[in-house]
C-alpha cells in the first residue's frame, strides 16, 4: 500500500536558555502516522498553542528538519531532498496554506502575479495565455475566476476571498497533499463554513489529502475524517474524528471537548458559522 505521507517516530528538539543555563526542549515527541495515497482524507492535527502542531507542520513542509525519525512522501525521505529540482518536485506534490491570508500576499504585488508565477514554476506555463488558463482553472475550483482577481491587490479583496485565492494558488501544481495551518482562524465567522466546506469538496472532487491544523475542535469535528490531539509535543489521542470527540478518553481531550463543543457535537456547524455563541472556545 502506497503512503502519500508517512511519519515514523518523528521528534524535534530545540535548545533554549543562555550559555550557562541552556536546556533541551522537546517540541515534538515521537509522532507517527500514515496517510494512504488511495484514500484521500481530511486529517486534523488538533492542539492549543505550544502543543507542537505547527512545528510538526513545518517539518512536513521541509522548513524544519526533525531531530530524529523519518518523514516520507510517496516513500521518499524528504529530509534528504531539500534543494533545486528535488525541492520543486516535492513542492509540486505538497503545498501549504497559511493562517493569515493578508500576510500571504505582498500588498504591493498584484494578486494575479502570484498565480502566474506558480503556474510558470510548477506547471511550465511560459506564455501569459497558459498562465491565465491554469490560474483560472484553479480559481474556478474555489468559486472565483481570473476576471475577478486580474490586476487587483490584496487590500481590494476580503479575507475570505484572499484565503480562497491562497487555496487556488496551492491547487495550481495539482498536489497530492495540502498542509492547511489554522486556515480559518483569521476569517470572519460568516465565511468559515464556506472555507471548511471547500476543503471537503477538494477531498471528494480532486482526491487531495488535507492536513488540517487547528485549535478549533468545532471545525475539526465538522470536516475531519481522522485526527490526532497533541499536548506538549505528544499525541495524547488519535482515531476517527467523530468517535474521538464524541467520547474522548484522555483528560486533556475531554477538557478541550467540554470547553469548545456544544452538548450535541453534531451542532458544531452552528459554532463555525456563528449561529451560536462560541464564547467557551
Protein backbone atom coordinates (compact mmCIF):
# COMPACT_ATOMS: atom_id res chain seq x y z
CA UNK A 1 0.00 0.00 0.00
CA UNK A 2 1.36 3.41 -1.00
CA UNK A 3 1.55 6.17 1.58
CA UNK A 4 1.15 9.77 0.45
CA UNK A 5 2.76 10.66 3.79
CA UNK A 6 4.44 8.63 6.49
CA UNK A 7 5.80 9.92 9.79
CA UNK A 8 7.91 7.39 11.67
CA UNK A 9 8.80 8.28 15.28
CA UNK A 10 9.42 11.94 14.47
CA UNK A 11 10.98 14.11 17.16
CA UNK A 12 12.01 17.76 17.18
CA UNK A 13 14.21 19.25 19.89
CA UNK A 14 15.18 22.89 20.42
CA UNK A 15 17.81 24.34 22.70
CA UNK A 16 16.58 27.19 24.91
CA UNK A 17 18.16 29.43 27.51
CA UNK A 18 21.55 31.10 27.70
CA UNK A 19 25.09 29.84 27.54
CA UNK A 20 25.17 28.60 31.14
CA UNK A 21 21.50 27.68 31.55
CA UNK A 22 20.59 26.04 28.28
CA UNK A 23 18.25 23.10 28.15
CA UNK A 24 16.75 20.87 25.51
CA UNK A 25 13.04 21.28 24.82
CA UNK A 26 11.07 18.56 23.05
CA UNK A 27 8.70 20.44 20.74
CA UNK A 28 7.52 17.21 19.09
CA UNK A 29 7.90 13.82 20.77
CA UNK A 30 7.78 10.53 18.90
CA UNK A 31 4.90 11.21 16.47
CA UNK A 32 3.93 8.53 13.94
CA UNK A 33 1.04 8.32 11.48
CA UNK A 34 0.39 7.47 7.83
CA UNK A 35 -1.90 8.86 5.15
CA UNK A 36 -2.79 6.49 2.33
CA UNK A 37 -2.44 7.60 -1.28
CA UNK A 38 -5.57 5.75 -2.40
CA UNK A 39 -7.75 7.06 0.43
CA UNK A 40 -7.93 10.89 0.37
CA UNK A 41 -9.00 12.36 3.69
CA UNK A 42 -9.02 15.42 5.90
CA UNK A 43 -6.61 14.61 8.72
CA UNK A 44 -6.74 17.09 11.61
CA UNK A 45 -3.87 17.88 13.96
CA UNK A 46 -5.53 19.48 16.98
CA UNK A 47 -3.95 21.28 19.91
CA UNK A 48 -3.63 24.55 21.73
CA UNK A 49 -0.75 27.00 21.35
CA UNK A 50 2.53 25.29 22.24
CA UNK A 51 1.24 21.79 21.55
CA UNK A 52 3.75 21.23 18.73
CA UNK A 53 1.26 21.10 15.87
CA UNK A 54 2.82 23.95 13.85
CA UNK A 55 6.34 22.58 14.41
CA UNK A 56 5.08 19.28 13.06
CA UNK A 57 3.63 21.07 10.02
CA UNK A 58 6.94 22.84 9.37
CA UNK A 59 8.75 19.51 9.39
CA UNK A 60 6.29 18.01 6.92
CA UNK A 61 6.80 21.05 4.67
CA UNK A 62 10.57 20.67 4.94
CA UNK A 63 11.23 24.06 6.54
CA UNK A 64 12.35 22.33 9.74
CA UNK A 65 14.44 19.17 9.97
CA UNK A 66 13.41 16.52 12.51
CA UNK A 67 15.92 15.77 15.24
CA UNK A 68 15.19 12.09 14.72
CA UNK A 69 12.74 9.89 12.86
CA UNK A 70 11.72 9.90 9.20
CA UNK A 71 9.19 11.82 7.10
CA UNK A 72 8.40 10.23 3.75
CA UNK A 73 6.24 11.45 0.87
CA UNK A 74 5.39 8.62 -1.51
CA UNK A 75 8.20 6.61 0.06
CA UNK A 76 10.88 9.28 -0.40
CA UNK A 77 12.53 10.68 2.75
CA UNK A 78 12.00 14.42 2.29
CA UNK A 79 14.76 15.35 4.73
CA UNK A 80 17.25 14.19 2.11
CA UNK A 81 15.77 16.27 -0.74
CA UNK A 82 15.76 19.94 0.11
CA UNK A 83 17.16 21.92 -2.84
CA UNK A 84 16.90 22.60 -6.55
CA UNK A 85 14.85 20.27 -8.71
CA UNK A 86 14.20 17.91 -5.81
CA UNK A 87 12.62 20.75 -3.84
CA UNK A 88 10.46 21.81 -6.80
CA UNK A 89 9.31 18.22 -7.30
CA UNK A 90 8.44 17.96 -3.61
CA UNK A 91 6.53 21.26 -3.55
CA UNK A 92 4.54 20.24 -6.61
CA UNK A 93 3.13 17.39 -4.51
CA UNK A 94 2.89 19.12 -1.11
CA UNK A 95 1.50 22.65 -0.84
CA UNK A 96 0.90 24.91 2.18
CA UNK A 97 -1.98 27.19 3.10
CA UNK A 98 -1.17 29.54 5.96
CA UNK A 99 -3.15 31.16 8.73
CA UNK A 100 -3.30 34.80 7.73
CA UNK A 101 -4.30 35.43 4.09
CA UNK A 102 -3.32 39.10 4.40
CA UNK A 103 0.27 38.11 5.21
CA UNK A 104 0.42 35.56 2.39
CA UNK A 105 0.41 38.28 -0.29
CA UNK A 106 2.62 41.36 -0.54
CA UNK A 107 0.26 44.39 -0.61
CA UNK A 108 2.43 45.99 -3.33
CA UNK A 109 2.20 42.98 -5.65
CA UNK A 110 -0.81 42.16 -7.81
CA UNK A 111 -2.60 39.01 -6.74
CA UNK A 112 -2.66 37.55 -10.23
CA UNK A 113 1.14 37.66 -10.45
CA UNK A 114 1.36 35.10 -7.64
CA UNK A 115 -0.88 32.76 -9.59
CA UNK A 116 1.01 33.28 -12.85
CA UNK A 117 4.42 32.66 -11.26
CA UNK A 118 3.11 29.47 -9.61
CA UNK A 119 1.83 28.23 -12.97
CA UNK A 120 5.18 29.03 -14.56
CA UNK A 121 7.30 27.48 -11.82
CA UNK A 122 5.37 24.27 -11.22
CA UNK A 123 3.47 23.67 -14.45
CA UNK A 124 5.90 25.07 -17.03
CA UNK A 125 3.41 27.66 -18.30
CA UNK A 126 5.60 30.15 -20.19
CA UNK A 127 3.00 32.20 -22.06
CA UNK A 128 0.58 34.56 -20.32
CA UNK A 129 -2.32 32.77 -22.03
CA UNK A 130 -1.31 29.45 -20.45
CA UNK A 131 -0.68 31.08 -17.09
CA UNK A 132 -4.10 32.72 -17.08
CA UNK A 133 -5.77 29.46 -18.14
CA UNK A 134 -4.17 27.49 -15.32
CA UNK A 135 -4.86 30.23 -12.79
CA UNK A 136 -8.49 30.43 -13.89
CA UNK A 137 -8.88 26.63 -13.70
CA UNK A 138 -7.73 26.69 -10.06
CA UNK A 139 -9.80 29.76 -9.20
CA UNK A 140 -12.94 28.16 -10.62
CA UNK A 141 -12.46 25.30 -8.15
CA UNK A 142 -12.74 27.73 -5.24
CA UNK A 143 -15.65 29.73 -6.62
CA UNK A 144 -13.73 32.60 -8.22
CA UNK A 145 -12.40 33.48 -11.69
CA UNK A 146 -9.37 35.16 -13.17
CA UNK A 147 -11.56 38.12 -14.19
CA UNK A 148 -12.38 38.77 -10.52
CA UNK A 149 -8.73 38.99 -9.42
CA UNK A 150 -6.89 40.24 -12.50
CA UNK A 151 -4.87 43.36 -11.69
CA UNK A 152 -6.12 43.60 -8.10
CA UNK A 153 -4.16 43.95 -4.86
CA UNK A 154 -4.76 42.23 -1.53
CA UNK A 155 -6.30 45.30 0.12
CA UNK A 156 -9.02 45.29 -2.54
CA UNK A 157 -10.25 41.84 -1.52
CA UNK A 158 -11.86 40.38 1.58
CA UNK A 159 -10.16 37.91 3.90
CA UNK A 160 -12.43 35.15 2.64
CA UNK A 161 -11.56 35.93 -0.98
CA UNK A 162 -7.85 36.01 -0.20
CA UNK A 163 -7.98 32.67 1.57
CA UNK A 164 -9.78 31.16 -1.41
CA UNK A 165 -7.08 32.60 -3.69
CA UNK A 166 -4.44 31.06 -1.40
CA UNK A 167 -6.19 27.71 -1.83
CA UNK A 168 -6.32 28.21 -5.61
CA UNK A 169 -2.61 29.03 -5.68
CA UNK A 170 -1.91 25.80 -3.78
CA UNK A 171 -4.01 23.83 -6.29
CA UNK A 172 -2.19 25.03 -9.42
CA UNK A 173 0.66 22.46 -9.06
CA UNK A 174 -2.01 19.71 -8.64
CA UNK A 175 -0.65 18.48 -5.29
CA UNK A 176 -1.42 15.20 -3.56
CA UNK A 177 -1.25 16.81 -0.12
CA UNK A 178 -2.17 20.22 1.26
CA UNK A 179 -0.99 21.39 4.68
CA UNK A 180 -3.52 23.95 5.98
CA UNK A 181 -2.26 25.65 9.15
CA UNK A 182 -5.15 27.33 11.04
CA UNK A 183 -6.72 28.35 7.70
CA UNK A 184 -9.97 29.80 9.10
CA UNK A 185 -8.78 31.43 12.31
CA UNK A 186 -8.39 34.83 10.61
CA UNK A 187 -11.60 34.58 8.58
CA UNK A 188 -14.93 36.06 9.69
CA UNK A 189 -17.28 33.56 11.31
CA UNK A 190 -19.78 34.07 8.49
CA UNK A 191 -17.20 32.81 5.98
CA UNK A 192 -15.68 29.91 7.91
CA UNK A 193 -18.29 27.41 6.79
CA UNK A 194 -17.61 28.12 3.11
CA UNK A 195 -13.86 27.57 3.59
CA UNK A 196 -14.20 24.31 5.53
CA UNK A 197 -16.77 23.04 3.04
CA UNK A 198 -14.28 23.86 0.30
CA UNK A 199 -11.73 21.53 1.90
CA UNK A 200 -14.25 18.70 1.92
CA UNK A 201 -15.01 19.36 -1.75
CA UNK A 202 -11.30 19.24 -2.63
CA UNK A 203 -11.03 15.88 -0.90
CA UNK A 204 -14.09 14.47 -2.64
CA UNK A 205 -13.73 16.01 -6.11
CA UNK A 206 -9.96 16.17 -6.61
CA UNK A 207 -8.78 13.38 -4.33
CA UNK A 208 -6.49 15.74 -2.40
CA UNK A 209 -5.50 14.75 1.13
CA UNK A 210 -5.57 17.71 3.52
CA UNK A 211 -3.77 18.00 6.83
CA UNK A 212 -5.91 20.47 8.75
CA UNK A 213 -4.03 22.03 11.67
CA UNK A 214 -6.22 23.76 14.22
CA UNK A 215 -7.01 24.57 17.83
CA UNK A 216 -10.70 24.65 16.88
CA UNK A 217 -12.45 21.38 17.73
CA UNK A 218 -15.72 22.52 16.13
CA UNK A 219 -14.22 22.71 12.64
CA UNK A 220 -12.20 19.52 13.25
CA UNK A 221 -15.37 17.70 14.25
CA UNK A 222 -17.20 19.02 11.20
CA UNK A 223 -14.69 18.24 8.43
CA UNK A 224 -12.05 15.78 9.66
CA UNK A 225 -12.09 12.08 8.86
CA UNK A 226 -9.36 11.31 11.39
CA UNK A 227 -7.43 13.36 13.90
CA UNK A 228 -4.67 13.41 16.43
CA UNK A 229 -4.78 15.58 19.55
CA UNK A 230 -1.43 16.97 20.71
CA UNK A 231 -0.35 18.29 24.11
CA UNK A 232 3.19 19.47 24.87
CA UNK A 233 4.55 17.79 21.75
CA UNK A 234 2.90 14.41 22.34
CA UNK A 235 -0.05 12.73 20.69
CA UNK A 236 -2.46 12.03 23.54
CA UNK A 237 -5.34 10.68 21.45
CA UNK A 238 -5.98 9.64 17.87
CA UNK A 239 -8.61 7.97 15.72
CA UNK A 240 -11.73 8.73 13.68
CA UNK A 241 -12.62 12.35 14.42
CA UNK A 242 -16.22 11.93 15.47
CA UNK A 243 -15.52 8.85 17.56
CA UNK A 244 -12.72 10.59 19.45
CA UNK A 245 -14.62 13.83 20.03
CA UNK A 246 -17.91 12.13 20.90
CA UNK A 247 -16.17 10.04 23.54
CA UNK A 248 -12.67 11.37 24.36
CA UNK A 249 -10.59 9.15 26.63
CA UNK A 250 -7.66 11.36 27.63
CA UNK A 251 -8.33 14.05 30.30
CA UNK A 252 -6.82 16.75 28.06
CA UNK A 253 -9.07 15.71 25.16
CA UNK A 254 -12.11 15.74 27.42
CA UNK A 255 -11.23 19.22 28.71
CA UNK A 256 -10.86 20.56 25.18
CA UNK A 257 -14.09 18.99 24.04
CA UNK A 258 -16.13 20.20 27.03
CA UNK A 259 -14.77 23.74 26.67
CA UNK A 260 -15.46 24.10 22.97
CA UNK A 261 -18.10 21.77 21.58
CA UNK A 262 -21.81 22.10 22.39
CA UNK A 263 -23.53 19.31 24.34
CA UNK A 264 -24.67 17.93 20.96
CA UNK A 265 -21.41 17.88 18.92
CA UNK A 266 -23.31 17.42 15.68
CA UNK A 267 -24.27 21.11 16.03
CA UNK A 268 -20.62 22.08 15.54
CA UNK A 269 -21.53 23.66 12.21
CA UNK A 270 -23.54 26.28 14.12
CA UNK A 271 -20.42 27.39 16.00
CA UNK A 272 -18.39 27.51 12.79
CA UNK A 273 -20.94 29.71 11.02
CA UNK A 274 -21.53 31.94 14.04
CA UNK A 275 -25.12 30.84 14.55
CA UNK A 276 -24.48 30.15 18.24
CA UNK A 277 -22.04 31.70 20.67
CA UNK A 278 -18.60 30.14 20.83
CA UNK A 279 -17.51 32.19 23.90
CA UNK A 280 -16.47 28.99 25.65
CA UNK A 281 -13.78 28.48 23.00
